[in-house]
Amino acid sequence: MTMCTTIASVLVTPLLTKYLAGTYVPIDAVKLSISTLQVVVAPVFLGSFFQSTVPAAVQVVTPYAPLFAVLTSSLLACSVFSENVVRLKTLMPSTSFTSDLAPNLQMQALLSNELGITILSVVLLHSAGFFLGYAYSTIFGFRETQRRAISIEVGMQNSSLGVVLAASHFTSPMVALPAALSAVIMNIMGSSLGFIWKNIKPVNDQNV
């Protein structure tokens, strides 16, 4: 499934970006496709090549690969935040969370600006991915362990790709902010969901 979505992303990502955002900013779908090919597909085939030619070395590196991936995505997110630190300060709500306002008013203050709306959009995006991945796999009769795997697959997306594409093809550094926020929020949500499911064993892991 990951391989299929990886290959499809070369065409689907540029086309969707042009369709959804092309009326607001100029988008070169061909260049986006080439960048996606370089960032996503090329490493996959390179990894397959090393797996077949030097499997012993791959086995040594594999245990450290997840940590390296998390560190890399975190550094990319930090670079975006550092580039936009001045802009982010202006987007922060004037009402502090340490104020005496009621929680609902504090939340309203947060969601009344661009940063709050962006955070909410990212949370809803990944929440929908986790939910729909699980729901549709249930409808189509997958086992519980498969449902959970599909849910994680759909809910966890390549935020690093979004950061790279935004930084490479758009002039404003703010364009990369949603992807950078996604890298942080997605990891928190995915890790939390994984922790919950780890402590809840599947009751019935048979085909329905």
C-alpha atoms as a PDB file:
ATOM      1  CA  MET A   1       0.000   0.000   0.000  1.00  0.00           C
ATOM      2  CA  THR A   2       2.827   2.377   0.849  1.00  0.00           C
ATOM      3  CA  MET A   3       4.556   1.572  -2.432  1.00  0.00           C
ATOM      4  CA  CYS A   4       1.359   2.268  -4.400  1.00  0.00           C
ATOM      5  CA  THR A   5       0.745   5.621  -2.724  1.00  0.00           C
ATOM      6  CA  THR A   6       4.410   6.559  -3.128  1.00  0.00           C
ATOM      7  CA  ILE A   7       4.377   5.944  -6.868  1.00  0.00           C
ATOM      8  CA  ALA A   8       0.972   7.601  -7.303  1.00  0.00           C
ATOM      9  CA  SER A   9       2.142  10.708  -5.431  1.00  0.00           C
ATOM     10  CA  VAL A  10       4.369  11.687  -8.361  1.00  0.00           C
ATOM     11  CA  LEU A  11       1.263  12.424 -10.453  1.00  0.00           C
ATOM     12  CA  VAL A  12      -1.467  12.950  -7.871  1.00  0.00           C
ATOM     13  CA  THR A  13       0.351  15.514  -5.702  1.00  0.00           C
ATOM     14  CA  PRO A  14       1.089  18.022  -8.514  1.00  0.00           C
ATOM     15  CA  LEU A  15      -2.352  17.595 -10.084  1.00  0.00           C
ATOM     16  CA  LEU A  16      -4.203  18.081  -6.792  1.00  0.00           C
ATOM     17  CA  THR A  17      -2.021  21.062  -5.884  1.00  0.00           C
ATOM     18  CA  LYS A  18      -2.673  22.705  -9.236  1.00  0.00           C
ATOM     19  CA  TYR A  19      -6.397  21.951  -9.050  1.00  0.00           C
ATOM     20  CA  LEU A  20      -6.887  23.150  -5.472  1.00  0.00           C
ATOM     21  CA  ALA A  21      -4.434  26.056  -5.329  1.00  0.00           C
ATOM     22  CA  GLY A  22      -3.802  26.913  -8.972  1.00  0.00           C
ATOM     23  CA  THR A  23      -6.379  29.697  -8.951  1.00  0.00           C
ATOM     24  CA  TYR A  24      -4.595  31.446  -6.064  1.00  0.00           C
ATOM     25  CA  VAL A  25      -0.903  31.094  -6.954  1.00  0.00           C
ATOM     26  CA  PRO A  26       0.969  30.035 -10.111  1.00  0.00           C
ATOM     27  CA  ILE A  27       1.898  26.357  -9.934  1.00  0.00           C
ATOM     28  CA  ASP A  28       4.206  24.408 -12.229  1.00  0.00           C
ATOM     29  CA  ALA A  29       2.869  20.862 -12.018  1.00  0.00           C
ATOM     30  CA  VAL A  30       5.794  19.426 -13.979  1.00  0.00           C
ATOM     31  CA  LYS A  31       8.403  20.830 -11.589  1.00  0.00           C
ATOM     32  CA  LEU A  32       6.346  19.675  -8.623  1.00  0.00           C
ATOM     33  CA  SER A  33       6.230  16.193 -10.123  1.00  0.00           C
ATOM     34  CA  ILE A  34       9.999  16.146 -10.620  1.00  0.00           C
ATOM     35  CA  SER A  35      10.614  17.293  -7.040  1.00  0.00           C
ATOM     36  CA  THR A  36       8.213  14.655  -5.718  1.00  0.00           C
ATOM     37  CA  LEU A  37      10.049  12.035  -7.742  1.00  0.00           C
ATOM     38  CA  GLN A  38      13.369  13.134  -6.257  1.00  0.00           C
ATOM     39  CA  VAL A  39      12.181  13.402  -2.650  1.00  0.00           C
ATOM     40  CA  VAL A  40       9.874  10.375  -2.392  1.00  0.00           C
ATOM     41  CA  VAL A  41      10.302   7.833  -5.166  1.00  0.00           C
ATOM     42  CA  ALA A  42      14.069   7.974  -5.666  1.00  0.00           C
ATOM     43  CA  PRO A  43      14.869   7.103  -2.009  1.00  0.00           C
ATOM     44  CA  VAL A  44      12.441   4.159  -2.149  1.00  0.00           C
ATOM     45  CA  PHE A  45      14.136   2.631  -5.173  1.00  0.00           C
ATOM     46  CA  LEU A  46      17.553   3.464  -3.724  1.00  0.00           C
ATOM     47  CA  GLY A  47      16.592   1.645  -0.533  1.00  0.00           C
ATOM     48  CA  SER A  48      15.407  -1.365  -2.539  1.00  0.00           C
ATOM     49  CA  PHE A  49      18.708  -1.370  -4.398  1.00  0.00           C
ATOM     50  CA  PHE A  50      20.749  -1.378  -1.182  1.00  0.00           C
ATOM     51  CA  GLN A  51      18.473  -4.046   0.299  1.00  0.00           C
ATOM     52  CA  SER A  52      19.247  -6.367  -2.599  1.00  0.00           C
ATOM     53  CA  THR A  53      22.960  -5.590  -2.914  1.00  0.00           C
ATOM     54  CA  VAL A  54      24.168  -5.041   0.674  1.00  0.00           C
ATOM     55  CA  PRO A  55      21.520  -6.601   2.959  1.00  0.00           C
ATOM     56  CA  ALA A  56      23.965  -6.958   5.860  1.00  0.00           C
ATOM     57  CA  ALA A  57      24.616  -3.221   5.961  1.00  0.00           C
ATOM     58  CA  VAL A  58      20.890  -2.518   5.703  1.00  0.00           C
ATOM     59  CA  GLN A  59      20.206  -4.731   8.730  1.00  0.00           C
ATOM     60  CA  VAL A  60      22.724  -2.720  10.755  1.00  0.00           C
ATOM     61  CA  VAL A  61      21.201   0.636   9.770  1.00  0.00           C
ATOM     62  CA  THR A  62      17.502  -0.347   9.899  1.00  0.00           C
ATOM     63  CA  PRO A  63      17.036  -0.110  13.721  1.00  0.00           C
ATOM     64  CA  TYR A  64      18.192   3.511  13.618  1.00  0.00           C
ATOM     65  CA  ALA A  65      16.160   4.523  10.553  1.00  0.00           C
ATOM     66  CA  PRO A  66      12.952   5.531  12.418  1.00  0.00           C
ATOM     67  CA  LEU A  67      14.899   7.772  14.806  1.00  0.00           C
ATOM     68  CA  PHE A  68      16.750   9.351  11.888  1.00  0.00           C
ATOM     69  CA  ALA A  69      13.455   9.970  10.068  1.00  0.00           C
ATOM     70  CA  VAL A  70      11.900  11.654  13.114  1.00  0.00           C
ATOM     71  CA  LEU A  71      14.978  13.822  13.668  1.00  0.00           C
ATOM     72  CA  THR A  72      15.051  14.842  10.008  1.00  0.00           C
ATOM     73  CA  SER A  73      11.382  15.822   9.906  1.00  0.00           C
ATOM     74  CA  SER A  74      11.789  17.684  13.209  1.00  0.00           C
ATOM     75  CA  LEU A  75      14.751  19.652  11.859  1.00  0.00           C
ATOM     76  CA  LEU A  76      12.787  20.544   8.721  1.00  0.00           C
ATOM     77  CA  ALA A  77       9.886  21.745  10.859  1.00  0.00           C
ATOM     78  CA  CYS A  78      12.228  23.763  13.088  1.00  0.00           C
ATOM     79  CA  SER A  79      13.786  25.426  10.046  1.00  0.00           C
ATOM     80  CA  VAL A  80      10.340  26.565   8.891  1.00  0.00           C
ATOM     81  CA  PHE A  81       9.431  27.864  12.349  1.00  0.00           C
ATOM     82  CA  SER A  82      12.722  29.767  12.612  1.00  0.00           C
ATOM     83  CA  GLU A  83      12.200  31.414   9.222  1.00  0.00           C
ATOM     84  CA  ASN A  84       8.724  32.557  10.250  1.00  0.00           C
ATOM     85  CA  VAL A  85       9.360  33.461  13.890  1.00  0.00           C
ATOM     86  CA  VAL A  86       8.516  37.152  13.381  1.00  0.00           C
ATOM     87  CA  ARG A  87       5.370  36.361  11.423  1.00  0.00           C
ATOM     88  CA  LEU A  88       4.330  33.740  13.980  1.00  0.00           C
ATOM     89  CA  LYS A  89       4.597  36.278  16.792  1.00  0.00           C
ATOM     90  CA  THR A  90       2.137  38.530  14.987  1.00  0.00           C
ATOM     91  CA  LEU A  91      -0.238  35.595  14.487  1.00  0.00           C
ATOM     92  CA  MET A  92      -0.265  34.576  18.133  1.00  0.00           C
ATOM     93  CA  PRO A  93      -3.513  35.496  19.887  1.00  0.00           C
ATOM     94  CA  SER A  94      -3.285  38.611  22.012  1.00  0.00           C
ATOM     95  CA  THR A  95      -5.013  36.773  24.856  1.00  0.00           C
ATOM     96  CA  SER A  96      -2.567  34.611  26.780  1.00  0.00           C
ATOM     97  CA  PHE A  97      -3.503  31.145  27.958  1.00  0.00           C
ATOM     98  CA  THR A  98      -2.342  32.200  31.400  1.00  0.00           C
ATOM     99  CA  SER A  99      -5.040  34.877  31.578  1.00  0.00           C
ATOM    100  CA  ASP A 100      -8.151  34.690  33.717  1.00  0.00           C
ATOM    101  CA  LEU A 101     -10.450  34.171  30.743  1.00  0.00           C
ATOM    102  CA  ALA A 102     -12.662  31.120  30.641  1.00  0.00           C
ATOM    103  CA  PRO A 103     -11.303  28.167  28.619  1.00  0.00           C
ATOM    104  CA  ASN A 104     -13.939  28.619  25.910  1.00  0.00           C
ATOM    105  CA  LEU A 105     -12.940  32.263  25.449  1.00  0.00           C
ATOM    106  CA  GLN A 106      -9.267  31.320  25.306  1.00  0.00           C
ATOM    107  CA  MET A 107     -10.048  28.759  22.617  1.00  0.00           C
ATOM    108  CA  GLN A 108     -12.111  31.323  20.728  1.00  0.00           C
ATOM    109  CA  ALA A 109      -9.174  33.738  20.848  1.00  0.00           C
ATOM    110  CA  LEU A 110      -6.862  31.063  19.464  1.00  0.00           C
ATOM    111  CA  LEU A 111      -9.196  30.167  16.601  1.00  0.00           C
ATOM    112  CA  SER A 112      -9.838  33.789  15.680  1.00  0.00           C
ATOM    113  CA  ASN A 113      -6.512  34.168  13.848  1.00  0.00           C
ATOM    114  CA  GLU A 114      -4.693  32.525  10.948  1.00  0.00           C
ATOM    115  CA  LEU A 115      -2.393  30.407  13.112  1.00  0.00           C
ATOM    116  CA  GLY A 116      -5.273  28.906  15.083  1.00  0.00           C
ATOM    117  CA  ILE A 117      -7.224  28.155  11.918  1.00  0.00           C
ATOM    118  CA  THR A 118      -4.159  26.496  10.390  1.00  0.00           C
ATOM    119  CA  ILE A 119      -3.604  24.326  13.473  1.00  0.00           C
ATOM    120  CA  LEU A 120      -7.273  23.327  13.538  1.00  0.00           C
ATOM    121  CA  SER A 121      -7.172  22.476   9.824  1.00  0.00           C
ATOM    122  CA  VAL A 122      -4.128  20.250  10.299  1.00  0.00           C
ATOM    123  CA  VAL A 123      -5.732  18.466  13.264  1.00  0.00           C
ATOM    124  CA  LEU A 124      -8.946  17.871  11.301  1.00  0.00           C
ATOM    125  CA  LEU A 125      -6.998  16.646   8.262  1.00  0.00           C
ATOM    126  CA  HIS A 126      -5.119  13.965  10.171  1.00  0.00           C
ATOM    127  CA  SER A 127      -8.118  13.070  12.324  1.00  0.00           C
ATOM    128  CA  ALA A 128     -10.141  12.466   9.172  1.00  0.00           C
ATOM    129  CA  GLY A 129      -7.333  10.319   7.780  1.00  0.00           C
ATOM    130  CA  PHE A 130      -7.144   8.118  10.872  1.00  0.00           C
ATOM    131  CA  PHE A 131     -10.935   7.803  11.093  1.00  0.00           C
ATOM    132  CA  LEU A 132     -11.676   7.186   7.410  1.00  0.00           C
ATOM    133  CA  GLY A 133      -8.794   4.734   7.076  1.00  0.00           C
ATOM    134  CA  TYR A 134     -10.202   2.670   9.922  1.00  0.00           C
ATOM    135  CA  ALA A 135     -13.839   3.087   8.868  1.00  0.00           C
ATOM    136  CA  TYR A 136     -13.407   2.058   5.243  1.00  0.00           C
ATOM    137  CA  SER A 137     -11.173  -0.892   6.102  1.00  0.00           C
ATOM    138  CA  THR A 138     -13.917  -2.024   8.498  1.00  0.00           C
ATOM    139  CA  ILE A 139     -16.566  -1.687   5.791  1.00  0.00           C
ATOM    140  CA  PHE A 140     -14.493  -3.760   3.371  1.00  0.00           C
ATOM    141  CA  GLY A 141     -13.989  -6.545   5.914  1.00  0.00           C
ATOM    142  CA  PHE A 142     -10.339  -6.236   6.909  1.00  0.00           C
ATOM    143  CA  ARG A 143      -9.111  -7.767  10.169  1.00  0.00           C
ATOM    144  CA  GLU A 144      -8.608  -5.540  13.197  1.00  0.00           C
ATOM    145  CA  THR A 145      -4.815  -5.468  12.913  1.00  0.00           C
ATOM    146  CA  GLN A 146      -5.159  -4.534   9.240  1.00  0.00           C
ATOM    147  CA  ARG A 147      -7.670  -1.804  10.074  1.00  0.00           C
ATOM    148  CA  ARG A 148      -5.243  -0.243  12.502  1.00  0.00           C
ATOM    149  CA  ALA A 149      -2.378  -0.432  10.019  1.00  0.00           C
ATOM    150  CA  ILE A 150      -4.485   1.179   7.284  1.00  0.00           C
ATOM    151  CA  SER A 151      -5.660   3.876   9.683  1.00  0.00           C
ATOM    152  CA  ILE A 152      -2.065   4.777  10.532  1.00  0.00           C
ATOM    153  CA  GLU A 153      -1.096   4.636   6.853  1.00  0.00           C
ATOM    154  CA  VAL A 154      -3.846   7.065   5.852  1.00  0.00           C
ATOM    155  CA  GLY A 155      -3.528   9.383   8.841  1.00  0.00           C
ATOM    156  CA  MET A 156       0.274   9.687   8.733  1.00  0.00           C
ATOM    157  CA  GLN A 157       1.422  11.549   5.643  1.00  0.00           C
ATOM    158  CA  ASN A 158       4.763  12.815   4.346  1.00  0.00           C
ATOM    159  CA  SER A 159       4.987  16.254   5.932  1.00  0.00           C
ATOM    160  CA  SER A 160       8.647  16.503   4.982  1.00  0.00           C
ATOM    161  CA  LEU A 161       7.656  16.322   1.323  1.00  0.00           C
ATOM    162  CA  GLY A 162       5.232  19.188   1.893  1.00  0.00           C
ATOM    163  CA  VAL A 163       7.965  21.294   3.494  1.00  0.00           C
ATOM    164  CA  VAL A 164      10.416  20.615   0.663  1.00  0.00           C
ATOM    165  CA  LEU A 165       7.874  21.324  -2.087  1.00  0.00           C
ATOM    166  CA  ALA A 166       6.672  24.511  -0.398  1.00  0.00           C
ATOM    167  CA  ALA A 167      10.199  25.797   0.174  1.00  0.00           C
ATOM    168  CA  SER A 168      11.340  24.921  -3.350  1.00  0.00           C
ATOM    169  CA  HIS A 169       8.407  26.140  -5.440  1.00  0.00           C
ATOM    170  CA  PHE A 170       6.839  29.035  -3.529  1.00  0.00           C
ATOM    171  CA  THR A 171       8.425  32.351  -2.628  1.00  0.00           C
ATOM    172  CA  SER A 172       6.727  32.963   0.713  1.00  0.00           C
ATOM    173  CA  PRO A 173       8.212  30.958   3.607  1.00  0.00           C
ATOM    174  CA  MET A 174       4.739  30.914   5.191  1.00  0.00           C
ATOM    175  CA  VAL A 175       3.593  28.397   2.575  1.00  0.00           C
ATOM    176  CA  ALA A 176       5.632  25.708   4.329  1.00  0.00           C
ATOM    177  CA  LEU A 177       4.060  26.443   7.734  1.00  0.00           C
ATOM    178  CA  PRO A 178       1.072  24.034   7.447  1.00  0.00           C
ATOM    179  CA  ALA A 179       3.396  21.174   6.493  1.00  0.00           C
ATOM    180  CA  ALA A 180       5.734  22.012   9.379  1.00  0.00           C
ATOM    181  CA  LEU A 181       2.823  22.086  11.816  1.00  0.00           C
ATOM    182  CA  SER A 182       1.650  18.804  10.336  1.00  0.00           C
ATOM    183  CA  ALA A 183       5.009  17.189  11.100  1.00  0.00           C
ATOM    184  CA  VAL A 184       4.597  18.006  14.790  1.00  0.00           C
ATOM    185  CA  ILE A 185       0.861  17.384  15.176  1.00  0.00           C
ATOM    186  CA  MET A 186       0.862  14.200  13.097  1.00  0.00           C
ATOM    187  CA  ASN A 187       3.621  12.604  15.162  1.00  0.00           C
ATOM    188  CA  ILE A 188       1.810  13.446  18.403  1.00  0.00           C
ATOM    189  CA  MET A 189      -1.504  12.066  17.135  1.00  0.00           C
ATOM    190  CA  GLY A 190       0.028   8.969  15.539  1.00  0.00           C
ATOM    191  CA  SER A 191       2.133   8.151  18.592  1.00  0.00           C
ATOM    192  CA  SER A 192      -0.861   8.607  20.892  1.00  0.00           C
ATOM    193  CA  LEU A 193      -3.055   6.383  18.739  1.00  0.00           C
ATOM    194  CA  GLY A 194      -0.325   3.754  18.546  1.00  0.00           C
ATOM    195  CA  PHE A 195       0.072   3.814  22.340  1.00  0.00           C
ATOM    196  CA  ILE A 196      -3.682   3.370  22.827  1.00  0.00           C
ATOM    197  CA  TRP A 197      -3.917   0.483  20.379  1.00  0.00           C
ATOM    198  CA  LYS A 198      -0.836  -1.141  21.864  1.00  0.00           C
ATOM    199  CA  ASN A 199      -2.711  -1.476  25.148  1.00  0.00           C
ATOM    200  CA  ILE A 200      -5.961  -2.650  23.539  1.00  0.00           C
ATOM    201  CA  LYS A 201      -5.591  -6.108  22.040  1.00  0.00           C
ATOM    202  CA  PRO A 202      -7.904  -6.951  19.123  1.00  0.00           C
ATOM    203  CA  VAL A 203     -10.946  -8.783  20.470  1.00  0.00           C
ATOM    204  CA  ASN A 204     -11.732 -10.581  17.238  1.00  0.00           C
ATOM    205  CA  ASP A 205      -9.083 -10.550  14.530  1.00  0.00           C
ATOM    206  CA  GLN A 206     -11.029 -12.665  12.068  1.00  0.00           C
ATOM    207  CA  ASN A 207     -12.475 -11.632   8.737  1.00  0.00           C
ATOM    208  CA  VAL A 208     -16.022 -10.314   9.036  1.00  0.00           C
END
